[in-house]
Structures are given as structure tokens and as C-alpha cells.
């Protein structure tokens, strides 16, 4: 559990000391890719808590979901259709569902109801 926290801390420190501005033309692609990556992270945390975590599934899902979401945004942009909204709805729904499961896990553990 310490390694992910160190990675998060390193990312925040790098972001503070080496700020980078994303060009406006790429912001839609990046935002959808970040949403997809966050969905994978929350899914990984949920799988870890349920003792079903598989690093291969996590890594391929993390990059695969991010690339697929960015590709959907790009194709939609080229067609003039907001296809990226499908990715936002799908990944957003899963992200909130996984967060709810994680939250319930910790709340039940705090109350002593954890199995």
C-alpha cells in the first residue's frame, strides 16, 4: 500500500515543480483518457479489496481503456459527433459504482462488520 502512495506523492511533486499546459485542442482527449484511467484505478482498488486483483488485467485495462476512450473522442471529433460522451457515461458510471463499493467496504470494516 505504501508504493502507490509514494507514486501519487511523486506525481503531485512533479506536477508542482514542472507544470505543463495541455493544448486546448487535446484537452477533450486527455480528459476522457484520464477518466478511463481513474476508472481502472478504482476498479483495481476494488479488486484488491475483494482479493481478486490481477496485475495483468489492471495494466491492460488501464492503458487499453485510456487509449480506447481517447480514440473515441478523436473519432467523434473528426465526425463532428460527440461520441466521447459515451465514454464519459460508461467510465463515469463505473467509477462511481467502484467508489461506492470501496466506501462501503471501509465503512463496514470501521463498524466491525467486515467479513
PDB file of N, CA and C in Angstrom:
ATOM      1  N   UNK A   1       0.820  -1.190   0.000  1.00  0.00           N
ATOM      2  CA  UNK A   1       0.000   0.000   0.000  1.00  0.00           C
ATOM      3  C   UNK A   1       0.862   1.251   0.000  1.00  0.00           C
ATOM      4  N   UNK A   2       2.086   1.131   0.434  1.00  0.00           N
ATOM      5  CA  UNK A   2       2.978   2.286   0.509  1.00  0.00           C
ATOM      6  C   UNK A   2       3.454   2.723  -0.876  1.00  0.00           C
ATOM      7  N   UNK A   3       3.683   1.779  -1.760  1.00  0.00           N
ATOM      8  CA  UNK A   3       4.188   2.108  -3.095  1.00  0.00           C
ATOM      9  C   UNK A   3       3.220   2.978  -3.905  1.00  0.00           C
ATOM     10  N   UNK A   4       1.926   2.679  -3.942  1.00  0.00           N
ATOM     11  CA  UNK A   4       1.013   3.572  -4.668  1.00  0.00           C
ATOM     12  C   UNK A   4       0.968   4.979  -4.080  1.00  0.00           C
ATOM     13  N   UNK A   5       1.047   5.086  -2.760  1.00  0.00           N
ATOM     14  CA  UNK A   5       1.040   6.409  -2.135  1.00  0.00           C
ATOM     15  C   UNK A   5       2.305   7.192  -2.484  1.00  0.00           C
ATOM     16  N   UNK A   6       3.439   6.497  -2.528  1.00  0.00           N
ATOM     17  CA  UNK A   6       4.680   7.157  -2.944  1.00  0.00           C
ATOM     18  C   UNK A   6       4.602   7.606  -4.403  1.00  0.00           C
ATOM     19  N   UNK A   7       4.001   6.789  -5.252  1.00  0.00           N
ATOM     20  CA  UNK A   7       3.813   7.165  -6.651  1.00  0.00           C
ATOM     21  C   UNK A   7       2.913   8.377  -6.789  1.00  0.00           C
ATOM     22  N   UNK A   8       1.848   8.422  -6.003  1.00  0.00           N
ATOM     23  CA  UNK A   8       0.950   9.573  -6.009  1.00  0.00           C
ATOM     24  C   UNK A   8       1.676  10.827  -5.542  1.00  0.00           C
ATOM     25  N   UNK A   9       2.424  10.719  -4.468  1.00  0.00           N
ATOM     26  CA  UNK A   9       3.185  11.851  -3.945  1.00  0.00           C
ATOM     27  C   UNK A   9       4.209  12.340  -4.964  1.00  0.00           C
ATOM     28  N   UNK A  10       4.888  11.414  -5.608  1.00  0.00           N
ATOM     29  CA  UNK A  10       5.868  11.777  -6.638  1.00  0.00           C
ATOM     30  C   UNK A  10       5.191  12.507  -7.798  1.00  0.00           C
ATOM     31  N   UNK A  11       4.033  12.025  -8.210  1.00  0.00           N
ATOM     32  CA  UNK A  11       3.293  12.676  -9.292  1.00  0.00           C
ATOM     33  C   UNK A  11       2.861  14.078  -8.934  1.00  0.00           C
ATOM     34  N   UNK A  12       2.398  14.272  -7.706  1.00  0.00           N
ATOM     35  CA  UNK A  12       1.993  15.617  -7.261  1.00  0.00           C
ATOM     36  C   UNK A  12       3.197  16.550  -7.214  1.00  0.00           C
ATOM     37  N   UNK A  13       4.309  16.079  -6.670  1.00  0.00           N
ATOM     38  CA  UNK A  13       5.518  16.911  -6.587  1.00  0.00           C
ATOM     39  C   UNK A  13       6.015  17.275  -7.981  1.00  0.00           C
ATOM     40  N   UNK A  14       6.054  16.306  -8.889  1.00  0.00           N
ATOM     41  CA  UNK A  14       6.482  16.595 -10.258  1.00  0.00           C
ATOM     42  C   UNK A  14       5.540  17.593 -10.930  1.00  0.00           C
ATOM     43  N   UNK A  15       4.247  17.455 -10.679  1.00  0.00           N
ATOM     44  CA  UNK A  15       3.273  18.374 -11.244  1.00  0.00           C
ATOM     45  C   UNK A  15       3.427  19.789 -10.731  1.00  0.00           C
ATOM     46  N   UNK A  16       3.829  19.924  -9.475  1.00  0.00           N
ATOM     47  CA  UNK A  16       4.020  21.257  -8.895  1.00  0.00           C
ATOM     48  C   UNK A  16       5.295  21.912  -9.426  1.00  0.00           C
ATOM     49  N   UNK A  17       6.376  21.150  -9.472  1.00  0.00           N
ATOM     50  CA  UNK A  17       7.657  21.733  -9.863  1.00  0.00           C
ATOM     51  C   UNK A  17       7.888  21.797 -11.366  1.00  0.00           C
ATOM     52  N   UNK A  18       7.173  20.992 -12.129  1.00  0.00           N
ATOM     53  CA  UNK A  18       7.303  21.007 -13.582  1.00  0.00           C
ATOM     54  C   UNK A  18       5.922  21.143 -14.227  1.00  0.00           C
ATOM     55  N   UNK A  19       5.307  22.307 -14.078  1.00  0.00           N
ATOM     56  CA  UNK A  19       3.959  22.477 -14.631  1.00  0.00           C
ATOM     57  C   UNK A  19       3.965  22.361 -16.151  1.00  0.00           C
ATOM     58  N   UNK A  20       2.929  21.762 -16.665  1.00  0.00           N
ATOM     59  CA  UNK A  20       2.816  21.570 -18.106  1.00  0.00           C
ATOM     60  C   UNK A  20       1.400  21.904 -18.518  1.00  0.00           C
ATOM     61  N   UNK A  21       1.279  22.687 -19.537  1.00  0.00           N
ATOM     62  CA  UNK A  21      -0.022  23.096 -20.039  1.00  0.00           C
ATOM     63  C   UNK A  21      -0.410  22.219 -21.222  1.00  0.00           C
ATOM     64  N   UNK A  22      -1.588  21.651 -21.162  1.00  0.00           N
ATOM     65  CA  UNK A  22      -2.092  20.828 -22.262  1.00  0.00           C
ATOM     66  C   UNK A  22      -2.754  21.757 -23.278  1.00  0.00           C
ATOM     67  N   UNK A  23      -2.386  21.652 -24.549  1.00  0.00           N
ATOM     68  CA  UNK A  23      -3.044  22.486 -25.566  1.00  0.00           C
ATOM     69  C   UNK A  23      -4.550  22.218 -25.591  1.00  0.00           C
ATOM     70  N   UNK A  24      -5.309  23.264 -25.817  1.00  0.00           N
ATOM     71  CA  UNK A  24      -6.771  23.176 -25.802  1.00  0.00           C
ATOM     72  C   UNK A  24      -7.296  22.139 -26.789  1.00  0.00           C
ATOM     73  N   UNK A  25      -6.610  21.975 -27.902  1.00  0.00           N
ATOM     74  CA  UNK A  25      -7.055  21.017 -28.920  1.00  0.00           C
ATOM     75  C   UNK A  25      -7.038  19.579 -28.400  1.00  0.00           C
ATOM     76  N   UNK A  26      -6.192  19.281 -27.419  1.00  0.00           N
ATOM     77  CA  UNK A  26      -6.072  17.920 -26.887  1.00  0.00           C
ATOM     78  C   UNK A  26      -6.783  17.726 -25.561  1.00  0.00           C
ATOM     79  N   UNK A  27      -7.374  18.768 -25.018  1.00  0.00           N
ATOM     80  CA  UNK A  27      -7.955  18.671 -23.679  1.00  0.00           C
ATOM     81  C   UNK A  27      -9.111  17.673 -23.608  1.00  0.00           C
ATOM     82  N   UNK A  28      -9.943  17.608 -24.623  1.00  0.00           N
ATOM     83  CA  UNK A  28     -11.060  16.652 -24.606  1.00  0.00           C
ATOM     84  C   UNK A  28     -10.539  15.215 -24.610  1.00  0.00           C
ATOM     85  N   UNK A  29      -9.517  14.946 -25.416  1.00  0.00           N
ATOM     86  CA  UNK A  29      -8.952  13.593 -25.486  1.00  0.00           C
ATOM     87  C   UNK A  29      -8.333  13.205 -24.152  1.00  0.00           C
ATOM     88  N   UNK A  30      -7.580  14.120 -23.591  1.00  0.00           N
ATOM     89  CA  UNK A  30      -6.896  13.827 -22.337  1.00  0.00           C
ATOM     90  C   UNK A  30      -7.876  13.665 -21.180  1.00  0.00           C
ATOM     91  N   UNK A  31      -8.915  14.489 -21.148  1.00  0.00           N
ATOM     92  CA  UNK A  31      -9.866  14.385 -20.040  1.00  0.00           C
ATOM     93  C   UNK A  31     -10.598  13.048 -20.058  1.00  0.00           C
ATOM     94  N   UNK A  32     -10.971  12.582 -21.237  1.00  0.00           N
ATOM     95  CA  UNK A  32     -11.648  11.286 -21.332  1.00  0.00           C
ATOM     96  C   UNK A  32     -10.669  10.154 -21.001  1.00  0.00           C
ATOM     97  N   UNK A  33      -9.429  10.283 -21.437  1.00  0.00           N
ATOM     98  CA  UNK A  33      -8.424   9.261 -21.125  1.00  0.00           C
ATOM     99  C   UNK A  33      -8.153   9.207 -19.622  1.00  0.00           C
ATOM    100  N   UNK A  34      -8.115  10.364 -18.972  1.00  0.00           N
ATOM    101  CA  UNK A  34      -7.910  10.392 -17.520  1.00  0.00           C
ATOM    102  C   UNK A  34      -9.091   9.755 -16.804  1.00  0.00           C
ATOM    103  N   UNK A  35     -10.291  10.038 -17.255  1.00  0.00           N
ATOM    104  CA  UNK A  35     -11.482   9.423 -16.657  1.00  0.00           C
ATOM    105  C   UNK A  35     -11.419   7.902 -16.788  1.00  0.00           C
ATOM    106  N   UNK A  36     -11.012   7.415 -17.945  1.00  0.00           N
ATOM    107  CA  UNK A  36     -10.896   5.969 -18.153  1.00  0.00           C
ATOM    108  C   UNK A  36      -9.807   5.378 -17.259  1.00  0.00           C
ATOM    109  N   UNK A  37      -8.689   6.089 -17.118  1.00  0.00           N
ATOM    110  CA  UNK A  37      -7.606   5.603 -16.260  1.00  0.00           C
ATOM    111  C   UNK A  37      -8.052   5.577 -14.799  1.00  0.00           C
ATOM    112  N   UNK A  38      -8.780   6.604 -14.364  1.00  0.00           N
ATOM    113  CA  UNK A  38      -9.298   6.626 -12.992  1.00  0.00           C
ATOM    114  C   UNK A  38     -10.276   5.474 -12.757  1.00  0.00           C
ATOM    115  N   UNK A  39     -11.073   5.161 -13.766  1.00  0.00           N
ATOM    116  CA  UNK A  39     -11.980   4.019 -13.657  1.00  0.00           C
ATOM    117  C   UNK A  39     -11.177   2.745 -13.412  1.00  0.00           C
ATOM    118  N   UNK A  40     -10.079   2.591 -14.119  1.00  0.00           N
ATOM    119  CA  UNK A  40      -9.234   1.401 -13.931  1.00  0.00           C
ATOM    120  C   UNK A  40      -8.603   1.383 -12.545  1.00  0.00           C
ATOM    121  N   UNK A  41      -8.177   2.535 -12.056  1.00  0.00           N
ATOM    122  CA  UNK A  41      -7.565   2.605 -10.727  1.00  0.00           C
ATOM    123  C   UNK A  41      -8.581   2.215  -9.654  1.00  0.00           C
ATOM    124  N   UNK A  42      -9.783   2.781  -9.730  1.00  0.00           N
ATOM    125  CA  UNK A  42     -10.801   2.435  -8.741  1.00  0.00           C
ATOM    126  C   UNK A  42     -11.217   0.965  -8.874  1.00  0.00           C
ATOM    127  N   UNK A  43     -11.249   0.451 -10.092  1.00  0.00           N
ATOM    128  CA  UNK A  43     -11.530  -0.967 -10.282  1.00  0.00           C
ATOM    129  C   UNK A  43     -10.432  -1.832  -9.692  1.00  0.00           C
ATOM    130  N   UNK A  44      -9.187  -1.391  -9.821  1.00  0.00           N
ATOM    131  CA  UNK A  44      -8.067  -2.120  -9.224  1.00  0.00           C
ATOM    132  C   UNK A  44      -8.119  -2.128  -7.714  1.00  0.00           C
ATOM    133  N   UNK A  45      -8.477  -0.990  -7.131  1.00  0.00           N
ATOM    134  CA  UNK A  45      -8.608  -0.921  -5.670  1.00  0.00           C
ATOM    135  C   UNK A  45      -9.726  -1.843  -5.199  1.00  0.00           C
ATOM    136  N   UNK A  46     -10.844  -1.807  -5.918  1.00  0.00           N
ATOM    137  CA  UNK A  46     -11.968  -2.685  -5.563  1.00  0.00           C
ATOM    138  C   UNK A  46     -11.554  -4.153  -5.655  1.00  0.00           C
ATOM    139  N   UNK A  47     -10.856  -4.514  -6.735  1.00  0.00           N
ATOM    140  CA  UNK A  47     -10.403  -5.902  -6.903  1.00  0.00           C
ATOM    141  C   UNK A  47      -9.418  -6.292  -5.804  1.00  0.00           C
ATOM    142  N   UNK A  48      -8.544  -5.369  -5.411  1.00  0.00           N
ATOM    143  CA  UNK A  48      -7.599  -5.643  -4.326  1.00  0.00           C
ATOM    144  C   UNK A  48      -8.338  -5.927  -3.025  1.00  0.00           C
ATOM    145  N   UNK A  49      -9.353  -5.125  -2.732  1.00  0.00           N
ATOM    146  CA  UNK A  49     -10.120  -5.314  -1.502  1.00  0.00           C
ATOM    147  C   UNK A  49     -10.915  -6.611  -1.527  1.00  0.00           C
ATOM    148  N   UNK A  50     -11.293  -7.071  -2.722  1.00  0.00           N
ATOM    149  CA  UNK A  50     -12.041  -8.325  -2.859  1.00  0.00           C
ATOM    150  C   UNK A  50     -11.118  -9.524  -3.083  1.00  0.00           C
ATOM    151  N   UNK A  51      -9.812  -9.311  -3.011  1.00  0.00           N
ATOM    152  CA  UNK A  51      -8.793 -10.350  -3.226  1.00  0.00           C
ATOM    153  C   UNK A  51      -8.897 -10.997  -4.597  1.00  0.00           C
ATOM    154  N   UNK A  52      -9.259 -10.199  -5.618  1.00  0.00           N
ATOM    155  CA  UNK A  52      -9.326 -10.716  -6.987  1.00  0.00           C
ATOM    156  C   UNK A  52      -8.416  -9.918  -7.921  1.00  0.00           C
ATOM    157  N   UNK A  53      -7.496  -9.143  -7.361  1.00  0.00           N
ATOM    158  CA  UNK A  53      -6.632  -8.280  -8.169  1.00  0.00           C
ATOM    159  C   UNK A  53      -5.666  -9.108  -9.012  1.00  0.00           C
ATOM    160  N   UNK A  54      -5.559  -8.747 -10.278  1.00  0.00           N
ATOM    161  CA  UNK A  54      -4.612  -9.365 -11.203  1.00  0.00           C
ATOM    162  C   UNK A  54      -3.883  -8.226 -11.912  1.00  0.00           C
ATOM    163  N   UNK A  55      -2.578  -8.150 -11.734  1.00  0.00           N
ATOM    164  CA  UNK A  55      -1.819  -7.021 -12.277  1.00  0.00           C
ATOM    165  C   UNK A  55      -1.880  -6.962 -13.809  1.00  0.00           C
ATOM    166  N   UNK A  56      -1.932  -8.100 -14.469  1.00  0.00           N
ATOM    167  CA  UNK A  56      -2.021  -8.096 -15.931  1.00  0.00           C
ATOM    168  C   UNK A  56      -3.340  -7.486 -16.394  1.00  0.00           C
ATOM    169  N   UNK A  57      -4.421  -7.854 -15.725  1.00  0.00           N
ATOM    170  CA  UNK A  57      -5.735  -7.294 -16.060  1.00  0.00           C
ATOM    171  C   UNK A  57      -5.740  -5.793 -15.793  1.00  0.00           C
ATOM    172  N   UNK A  58      -5.139  -5.390 -14.667  1.00  0.00           N
ATOM    173  CA  UNK A  58      -5.108  -3.976 -14.325  1.00  0.00           C
ATOM    174  C   UNK A  58      -4.321  -3.160 -15.346  1.00  0.00           C
ATOM    175  N   UNK A  59      -3.123  -3.597 -15.681  1.00  0.00           N
ATOM    176  CA  UNK A  59      -2.264  -2.837 -16.611  1.00  0.00           C
ATOM    177  C   UNK A  59      -2.897  -2.759 -17.995  1.00  0.00           C
ATOM    178  N   UNK A  60      -3.394  -3.875 -18.497  1.00  0.00           N
ATOM    179  CA  UNK A  60      -4.005  -3.842 -19.829  1.00  0.00           C
ATOM    180  C   UNK A  60      -5.295  -3.026 -19.825  1.00  0.00           C
ATOM    181  N   UNK A  61      -6.048  -3.105 -18.749  1.00  0.00           N
ATOM    182  CA  UNK A  61      -7.259  -2.300 -18.645  1.00  0.00           C
ATOM    183  C   UNK A  61      -6.951  -0.821 -18.521  1.00  0.00           C
ATOM    184  N   UNK A  62      -5.933  -0.491 -17.745  1.00  0.00           N
ATOM    185  CA  UNK A  62      -5.548   0.906 -17.542  1.00  0.00           C
ATOM    186  C   UNK A  62      -5.204   1.571 -18.872  1.00  0.00           C
ATOM    187  N   UNK A  63      -4.272   0.966 -19.597  1.00  0.00           N
ATOM    188  CA  UNK A  63      -3.846   1.569 -20.868  1.00  0.00           C
ATOM    189  C   UNK A  63      -4.881   1.358 -21.976  1.00  0.00           C
ATOM    190  N   UNK A  64      -5.495   0.181 -22.001  1.00  0.00           N
ATOM    191  CA  UNK A  64      -6.488  -0.092 -23.036  1.00  0.00           C
ATOM    192  C   UNK A  64      -7.695   0.823 -22.938  1.00  0.00           C
ATOM    193  N   UNK A  65      -8.215   1.012 -21.724  1.00  0.00           N
ATOM    194  CA  UNK A  65      -9.358   1.901 -21.540  1.00  0.00           C
ATOM    195  C   UNK A  65      -9.009   3.347 -21.887  1.00  0.00           C
ATOM    196  N   UNK A  66      -7.836   3.799 -21.464  1.00  0.00           N
ATOM    197  CA  UNK A  66      -7.433   5.181 -21.747  1.00  0.00           C
ATOM    198  C   UNK A  66      -7.275   5.404 -23.246  1.00  0.00           C
ATOM    199  N   UNK A  67      -6.642   4.458 -23.931  1.00  0.00           N
ATOM    200  CA  UNK A  67      -6.448   4.598 -25.376  1.00  0.00           C
ATOM    201  C   UNK A  67      -7.786   4.522 -26.112  1.00  0.00           C
ATOM    202  N   UNK A  68      -8.638   3.583 -25.726  1.00  0.00           N
ATOM    203  CA  UNK A  68      -9.948   3.456 -26.367  1.00  0.00           C
ATOM    204  C   UNK A  68     -10.791   4.716 -26.164  1.00  0.00           C
ATOM    205  N   UNK A  69     -10.775   5.266 -24.963  1.00  0.00           N
ATOM    206  CA  UNK A  69     -11.550   6.481 -24.693  1.00  0.00           C
ATOM    207  C   UNK A  69     -11.029   7.659 -25.506  1.00  0.00           C
ATOM    208  N   UNK A  70      -9.712   7.822 -25.561  1.00  0.00           N
ATOM    209  CA  UNK A  70      -9.133   8.913 -26.354  1.00  0.00           C
ATOM    210  C   UNK A  70      -9.428   8.711 -27.839  1.00  0.00           C
ATOM    211  N   UNK A  71      -9.385   7.468 -28.294  1.00  0.00           N
ATOM    212  CA  UNK A  71      -9.696   7.172 -29.692  1.00  0.00           C
ATOM    213  C   UNK A  71     -11.153   7.486 -30.013  1.00  0.00           C
ATOM    214  N   UNK A  72     -12.048   7.146 -29.101  1.00  0.00           N
ATOM    215  CA  UNK A  72     -13.462   7.502 -29.294  1.00  0.00           C
ATOM    216  C   UNK A  72     -13.648   9.017 -29.392  1.00  0.00           C
ATOM    217  N   UNK A  73     -12.956   9.742 -28.535  1.00  0.00           N
ATOM    218  CA  UNK A  73     -13.051  11.203 -28.571  1.00  0.00           C
ATOM    219  C   UNK A  73     -12.509  11.745 -29.893  1.00  0.00           C
ATOM    220  N   UNK A  74     -11.415  11.166 -30.369  1.00  0.00           N
ATOM    221  CA  UNK A  74     -10.817  11.609 -31.631  1.00  0.00           C
ATOM    222  C   UNK A  74     -11.748  11.328 -32.813  1.00  0.00           C
ATOM    223  N   UNK A  75     -12.281  10.115 -32.878  1.00  0.00           N
ATOM    224  CA  UNK A  75     -13.177   9.749 -33.973  1.00  0.00           C
ATOM    225  C   UNK A  75     -14.418  10.636 -33.962  1.00  0.00           C
ATOM    226  N   UNK A  76     -14.963  10.840 -32.781  1.00  0.00           N
ATOM    227  CA  UNK A  76     -16.129  11.717 -32.670  1.00  0.00           C
ATOM    228  C   UNK A  76     -15.820  13.134 -33.096  1.00  0.00           C
ATOM    229  N   UNK A  77     -14.628  13.603 -32.746  1.00  0.00           N
ATOM    230  CA  UNK A  77     -14.210  14.949 -33.149  1.00  0.00           C
ATOM    231  C   UNK A  77     -14.109  15.052 -34.665  1.00  0.00           C
ATOM    232  N   UNK A  78     -13.552  14.039 -35.299  1.00  0.00           N
ATOM    233  CA  UNK A  78     -13.418  14.037 -36.761  1.00  0.00           C
ATOM    234  C   UNK A  78     -14.778  13.950 -37.454  1.00  0.00           C
ATOM    235  N   UNK A  79     -15.728  13.235 -36.840  1.00  0.00           N
ATOM    236  CA  UNK A  79     -17.056  13.080 -37.427  1.00  0.00           C
ATOM    237  C   UNK A  79     -17.992  14.237 -37.071  1.00  0.00           C
ATOM    238  N   UNK A  80     -17.591  15.033 -36.102  1.00  0.00           N
ATOM    239  CA  UNK A  80     -18.439  16.126 -35.663  1.00  0.00           C
ATOM    240  C   UNK A  80     -19.572  15.662 -34.757  1.00  0.00           C
ATOM    241  N   UNK A  81     -19.395  14.496 -34.154  1.00  0.00           N
ATOM    242  CA  UNK A  81     -20.398  13.910 -33.269  1.00  0.00           C
ATOM    243  C   UNK A  81     -19.742  13.710 -31.904  1.00  0.00           C
ATOM    244  N   UNK A  82     -20.411  14.107 -30.832  1.00  0.00           N
ATOM    245  CA  UNK A  82     -19.787  13.964 -29.502  1.00  0.00           C
ATOM    246  C   UNK A  82     -19.813  12.528 -28.971  1.00  0.00           C
ATOM    247  N   UNK A  83     -19.107  11.625 -29.663  1.00  0.00           N
ATOM    248  CA  UNK A  83     -19.055  10.221 -29.251  1.00  0.00           C
ATOM    249  C   UNK A  83     -18.374  10.059 -27.895  1.00  0.00           C
ATOM    250  N   UNK A  84     -17.505  11.006 -27.541  1.00  0.00           N
ATOM    251  CA  UNK A  84     -16.794  10.923 -26.269  1.00  0.00           C
ATOM    252  C   UNK A  84     -17.768  10.858 -25.091  1.00  0.00           C
ATOM    253  N   UNK A  85     -18.985  11.340 -25.289  1.00  0.00           N
ATOM    254  CA  UNK A  85     -19.976  11.292 -24.210  1.00  0.00           C
ATOM    255  C   UNK A  85     -20.305   9.855 -23.812  1.00  0.00           C
ATOM    256  N   UNK A  86     -20.230   8.929 -24.755  1.00  0.00           N
ATOM    257  CA  UNK A  86     -20.450   7.513 -24.428  1.00  0.00           C
ATOM    258  C   UNK A  86     -19.391   7.031 -23.446  1.00  0.00           C
ATOM    259  N   UNK A  87     -18.138   7.418 -23.684  1.00  0.00           N
ATOM    260  CA  UNK A  87     -17.055   7.038 -22.772  1.00  0.00           C
ATOM    261  C   UNK A  87     -17.235   7.708 -21.417  1.00  0.00           C
ATOM    262  N   UNK A  88     -17.636   8.965 -21.417  1.00  0.00           N
ATOM    263  CA  UNK A  88     -17.849   9.687 -20.157  1.00  0.00           C
ATOM    264  C   UNK A  88     -18.930   8.999 -19.331  1.00  0.00           C
ATOM    265  N   UNK A  89     -20.026   8.631 -19.961  1.00  0.00           N
ATOM    266  CA  UNK A  89     -21.121   7.968 -19.240  1.00  0.00           C
ATOM    267  C   UNK A  89     -20.679   6.592 -18.744  1.00  0.00           C
ATOM    268  N   UNK A  90     -20.070   5.808 -19.617  1.00  0.00           N
ATOM    269  CA  UNK A  90     -19.675   4.442 -19.234  1.00  0.00           C
ATOM    270  C   UNK A  90     -18.631   4.447 -18.121  1.00  0.00           C
ATOM    271  N   UNK A  91     -17.555   5.190 -18.325  1.00  0.00           N
ATOM    272  CA  UNK A  91     -16.490   5.198 -17.322  1.00  0.00           C
ATOM    273  C   UNK A  91     -16.911   5.935 -16.063  1.00  0.00           C
ATOM    274  N   UNK A  92     -17.696   6.991 -16.200  1.00  0.00           N
ATOM    275  CA  UNK A  92     -18.179   7.719 -15.035  1.00  0.00           C
ATOM    276  C   UNK A  92     -19.075   6.852 -14.170  1.00  0.00           C
ATOM    277  N   UNK A  93     -19.964   6.109 -14.793  1.00  0.00           N
ATOM    278  CA  UNK A  93     -20.852   5.210 -14.051  1.00  0.00           C
ATOM    279  C   UNK A  93     -20.057   4.151 -13.308  1.00  0.00           C
ATOM    280  N   UNK A  94     -19.110   3.541 -13.994  1.00  0.00           N
ATOM    281  CA  UNK A  94     -18.289   2.505 -13.349  1.00  0.00           C
ATOM    282  C   UNK A  94     -17.423   3.079 -12.237  1.00  0.00           C
ATOM    283  N   UNK A  95     -16.885   4.267 -12.458  1.00  0.00           N
ATOM    284  CA  UNK A  95     -16.043   4.898 -11.451  1.00  0.00           C
ATOM    285  C   UNK A  95     -16.836   5.138 -10.164  1.00  0.00           C
ATOM    286  N   UNK A  96     -18.036   5.697 -10.290  1.00  0.00           N
ATOM    287  CA  UNK A  96     -18.849   5.949  -9.101  1.00  0.00           C
ATOM    288  C   UNK A  96     -19.316   4.655  -8.447  1.00  0.00           C
ATOM    289  N   UNK A  97     -19.599   3.635  -9.239  1.00  0.00           N
ATOM    290  CA  UNK A  97     -20.008   2.343  -8.673  1.00  0.00           C
ATOM    291  C   UNK A  97     -18.852   1.721  -7.886  1.00  0.00           C
ATOM    292  N   UNK A  98     -17.649   1.746  -8.478  1.00  0.00           N
ATOM    293  CA  UNK A  98     -16.487   1.198  -7.775  1.00  0.00           C
ATOM    294  C   UNK A  98     -16.181   1.989  -6.514  1.00  0.00           C
ATOM    295  N   UNK A  99     -16.298   3.320  -6.588  1.00  0.00           N
ATOM    296  CA  UNK A  99     -16.062   4.139  -5.411  1.00  0.00           C
ATOM    297  C   UNK A  99     -17.058   3.807  -4.308  1.00  0.00           C
ATOM    298  N   UNK A 100     -18.318   3.581  -4.675  1.00  0.00           N
ATOM    299  CA  UNK A 100     -19.330   3.223  -3.684  1.00  0.00           C
ATOM    300  C   UNK A 100     -18.998   1.889  -3.023  1.00  0.00           C
ATOM    301  N   UNK A 101     -18.527   0.927  -3.785  1.00  0.00           N
ATOM    302  CA  UNK A 101     -18.155  -0.379  -3.223  1.00  0.00           C
ATOM    303  C   UNK A 101     -16.974  -0.231  -2.277  1.00  0.00           C
ATOM    304  N   UNK A 102     -15.977   0.565  -2.680  1.00  0.00           N
ATOM    305  CA  UNK A 102     -14.806   0.798  -1.831  1.00  0.00           C
ATOM    306  C   UNK A 102     -15.222   1.496  -0.543  1.00  0.00           C
ATOM    307  N   UNK A 103     -16.066   2.505  -0.660  1.00  0.00           N
ATOM    308  CA  UNK A 103     -16.540   3.249   0.510  1.00  0.00           C
ATOM    309  C   UNK A 103     -17.287   2.320   1.468  1.00  0.00           C
ATOM    310  N   UNK A 104     -18.178   1.494   0.929  1.00  0.00           N
ATOM    311  CA  UNK A 104     -18.929   0.561   1.779  1.00  0.00           C
ATOM    312  C   UNK A 104     -18.006  -0.438   2.467  1.00  0.00           C
ATOM    313  N   UNK A 105     -16.968  -0.857   1.757  1.00  0.00           N
ATOM    314  CA  UNK A 105     -16.002  -1.793   2.344  1.00  0.00           C
ATOM    315  C   UNK A 105     -15.356  -1.185   3.584  1.00  0.00           C
ATOM    316  N   UNK A 106     -14.878   0.062   3.449  1.00  0.00           N
ATOM    317  CA  UNK A 106     -14.210   0.704   4.579  1.00  0.00           C
ATOM    318  C   UNK A 106     -15.182   1.070   5.697  1.00  0.00           C
ATOM    319  N   UNK A 107     -16.406   1.446   5.351  1.00  0.00           N
ATOM    320  CA  UNK A 107     -17.396   1.747   6.381  1.00  0.00           C
ATOM    321  C   UNK A 107     -17.780   0.496   7.158  1.00  0.00           C
ATOM    322  N   UNK A 108     -17.951  -0.622   6.463  1.00  0.00           N
ATOM    323  CA  UNK A 108     -18.296  -1.865   7.157  1.00  0.00           C
ATOM    324  C   UNK A 108     -17.131  -2.350   8.010  1.00  0.00           C
ATOM    325  N   UNK A 109     -15.919  -2.131   7.546  1.00  0.00           N
ATOM    326  CA  UNK A 109     -14.737  -2.514   8.331  1.00  0.00           C
ATOM    327  C   UNK A 109     -14.647  -1.659   9.592  1.00  0.00           C
ATOM    328  N   UNK A 110     -14.952  -0.367   9.449  1.00  0.00           N
ATOM    329  CA  UNK A 110     -14.896   0.537  10.586  1.00  0.00           C
ATOM    330  C   UNK A 110     -15.947   0.158  11.632  1.00  0.00           C
ATOM    331  N   UNK A 111     -17.100  -0.305  11.186  1.00  0.00           N
ATOM    332  CA  UNK A 111     -18.166  -0.697  12.112  1.00  0.00           C
ATOM    333  C   UNK A 111     -17.966  -2.120  12.645  1.00  0.00           C
ATOM    334  N   UNK A 112     -16.949  -2.809  12.167  1.00  0.00           N
ATOM    335  CA  UNK A 112     -16.697  -4.166  12.623  1.00  0.00           C
ATOM    336  C   UNK A 112     -17.528  -5.217  11.917  1.00  0.00           C
ATOM    337  N   UNK A 113     -18.120  -4.850  10.792  1.00  0.00           N
ATOM    338  CA  UNK A 113     -18.982  -5.788  10.054  1.00  0.00           C
ATOM    339  C   UNK A 113     -18.248  -6.487   8.927  1.00  0.00           C
ATOM    340  N   UNK A 114     -16.963  -6.233   8.783  1.00  0.00           N
ATOM    341  CA  UNK A 114     -16.207  -6.804   7.660  1.00  0.00           C
ATOM    342  C   UNK A 114     -16.066  -8.314   7.831  1.00  0.00           C
ATOM    343  N   UNK A 115     -16.229  -9.026   6.718  1.00  0.00           N
ATOM    344  CA  UNK A 115     -16.148 -10.490   6.743  1.00  0.00           C
ATOM    345  C   UNK A 115     -14.725 -10.946   6.876  1.00  0.00           C
TER     346      UNK A 115
END
